[in-house]
């Protein structure tokens, strides 16, 4: 399976050793994990602005996490997705362009979408139901 984690799940997995941490570790061992530069940048920015991580700690967290992921870039062509939160559009575009099977997120608006193209959008704990 190809899995894309939304930034909120990645940060939750880093901050606490709960469901998000467990599914990230499971997915790294058993599936292909996709990310993009957009997600990496958002991850770094949120660690700095919301959690006051130092640059060194951000570098260490990003390096140890993303080295296990396959980076997929969004083509420079116009992204033809309409969604109420424009910040989620690059994440949806990555899921589509990388042909992900699942987008795992805690974002209620994305979860309500349920599916985009062939990519199912699920909550973190729901990964255990399909593993």
Protein backbone atom coordinates (compact mmCIF):
# COMPACT_ATOMS: atom_id res chain seq x y z
CA UNK A 1 0.00 0.00 0.00
CA UNK A 2 1.04 3.57 -0.63
CA UNK A 3 0.28 5.78 2.35
CA UNK A 4 0.45 9.55 2.74
CA UNK A 5 0.40 11.00 6.25
CA UNK A 6 -1.01 14.48 6.77
CA UNK A 7 1.25 16.79 8.76
CA UNK A 8 -1.01 16.69 11.84
CA UNK A 9 -0.52 12.92 12.12
CA UNK A 10 3.25 13.20 11.71
CA UNK A 11 3.48 15.83 14.44
CA UNK A 12 1.21 13.84 16.77
CA UNK A 13 3.44 10.82 16.21
CA UNK A 14 6.50 12.85 17.10
CA UNK A 15 5.05 14.58 20.16
CA UNK A 16 3.44 11.57 21.84
CA UNK A 17 3.79 7.81 21.67
CA UNK A 18 0.14 7.03 20.99
CA UNK A 19 -1.87 5.80 18.02
CA UNK A 20 -0.18 8.14 15.51
CA UNK A 21 3.29 7.05 16.57
CA UNK A 22 2.28 3.38 16.39
CA UNK A 23 0.73 3.60 12.92
CA UNK A 24 3.68 5.55 11.53
CA UNK A 25 6.10 2.91 12.83
CA UNK A 26 3.89 0.10 11.50
CA UNK A 27 3.53 1.76 8.10
CA UNK A 28 7.28 2.39 7.76
CA UNK A 29 7.93 -1.32 8.31
CA UNK A 30 5.14 -2.64 6.09
CA UNK A 31 4.17 -0.14 3.41
CA UNK A 32 5.46 2.52 1.05
CA UNK A 33 5.20 5.93 2.70
CA UNK A 34 4.87 8.97 0.47
CA UNK A 35 5.60 12.58 1.33
CA UNK A 36 6.27 15.84 -0.49
CA UNK A 37 8.38 18.92 0.04
CA UNK A 38 5.17 20.77 0.93
CA UNK A 39 4.48 18.37 3.82
CA UNK A 40 8.11 18.51 4.97
CA UNK A 41 8.01 22.32 4.97
CA UNK A 42 4.68 22.39 6.81
CA UNK A 43 6.01 19.89 9.37
CA UNK A 44 9.09 22.04 10.00
CA UNK A 45 7.07 25.28 10.21
CA UNK A 46 4.52 23.89 12.68
CA UNK A 47 7.22 22.44 14.92
CA UNK A 48 8.82 25.88 15.04
CA UNK A 49 5.73 28.09 15.36
CA UNK A 50 3.39 25.94 17.48
CA UNK A 51 5.79 23.81 19.49
CA UNK A 52 8.81 26.14 19.70
CA UNK A 53 11.30 23.47 18.59
CA UNK A 54 14.85 24.69 17.99
CA UNK A 55 16.23 24.53 14.45
CA UNK A 56 18.56 21.69 15.50
CA UNK A 57 15.67 19.68 16.95
CA UNK A 58 13.58 20.31 13.83
CA UNK A 59 16.45 19.19 11.60
CA UNK A 60 16.92 16.03 13.65
CA UNK A 61 13.20 15.18 13.69
CA UNK A 62 12.74 15.82 9.97
CA UNK A 63 15.87 13.93 9.00
CA UNK A 64 15.09 10.84 11.06
CA UNK A 65 11.46 10.70 9.93
CA UNK A 66 11.54 11.65 6.27
CA UNK A 67 14.59 9.56 5.34
CA UNK A 68 12.26 6.55 5.47
CA UNK A 69 9.67 8.11 3.15
CA UNK A 70 9.51 8.35 -0.65
CA UNK A 71 9.33 11.96 -1.74
CA UNK A 72 6.86 12.70 -4.51
CA UNK A 73 6.68 16.18 -5.93
CA UNK A 74 3.55 17.85 -7.18
CA UNK A 75 3.94 18.80 -10.85
CA UNK A 76 4.33 22.51 -11.50
CA UNK A 77 1.16 22.47 -13.55
CA UNK A 78 -1.94 24.00 -12.04
CA UNK A 79 -3.56 21.88 -9.36
CA UNK A 80 -7.18 21.40 -10.37
CA UNK A 81 -8.71 20.65 -6.98
CA UNK A 82 -11.31 22.75 -5.20
CA UNK A 83 -11.38 22.40 -1.43
CA UNK A 84 -12.41 24.81 1.31
CA UNK A 85 -9.00 24.87 3.02
CA UNK A 86 -6.49 25.88 0.37
CA UNK A 87 -3.63 24.61 2.56
CA UNK A 88 -4.97 21.07 2.10
CA UNK A 89 -4.94 21.24 -1.70
CA UNK A 90 -1.22 20.36 -2.09
CA UNK A 91 -1.72 17.38 0.22
CA UNK A 92 -4.67 16.15 -1.85
CA UNK A 93 -2.67 16.74 -5.03
CA UNK A 94 0.21 14.66 -3.65
CA UNK A 95 -2.20 11.84 -2.77
CA UNK A 96 -3.59 11.87 -6.32
CA UNK A 97 -0.32 12.29 -8.21
CA UNK A 98 1.53 9.68 -6.14
CA UNK A 99 -1.39 7.28 -6.56
CA UNK A 100 -1.69 6.76 -2.81
CA UNK A 101 -4.08 4.16 -1.50
CA UNK A 102 -4.64 6.03 1.77
CA UNK A 103 -4.31 9.55 3.13
CA UNK A 104 -4.19 9.38 6.93
CA UNK A 105 -5.28 12.55 8.66
CA UNK A 106 -6.88 14.01 11.75
CA UNK A 107 -8.41 16.85 9.71
CA UNK A 108 -12.21 16.53 9.96
CA UNK A 109 -12.83 18.28 6.63
CA UNK A 110 -10.54 15.86 4.82
CA UNK A 111 -12.05 12.86 6.62
CA UNK A 112 -15.54 14.01 5.51
CA UNK A 113 -14.29 13.99 1.92
CA UNK A 114 -13.69 10.22 2.46
CA UNK A 115 -12.06 9.63 -0.93
CA UNK A 116 -10.36 11.52 -3.73
CA UNK A 117 -9.79 9.61 -6.95
CA UNK A 118 -8.72 6.15 -5.72
CA UNK A 119 -7.25 7.40 -2.44
CA UNK A 120 -9.29 6.73 0.69
CA UNK A 121 -9.05 9.34 3.45
CA UNK A 122 -9.11 7.86 6.93
CA UNK A 123 -8.43 8.65 10.59
CA UNK A 124 -5.20 7.29 12.08
CA UNK A 125 -6.84 4.53 14.16
CA UNK A 126 -8.69 3.26 11.07
CA UNK A 127 -5.42 2.01 9.58
CA UNK A 128 -5.54 -0.89 12.05
CA UNK A 129 -8.82 -2.02 10.45
CA UNK A 130 -7.23 -2.44 7.01
CA UNK A 131 -3.70 -3.58 7.75
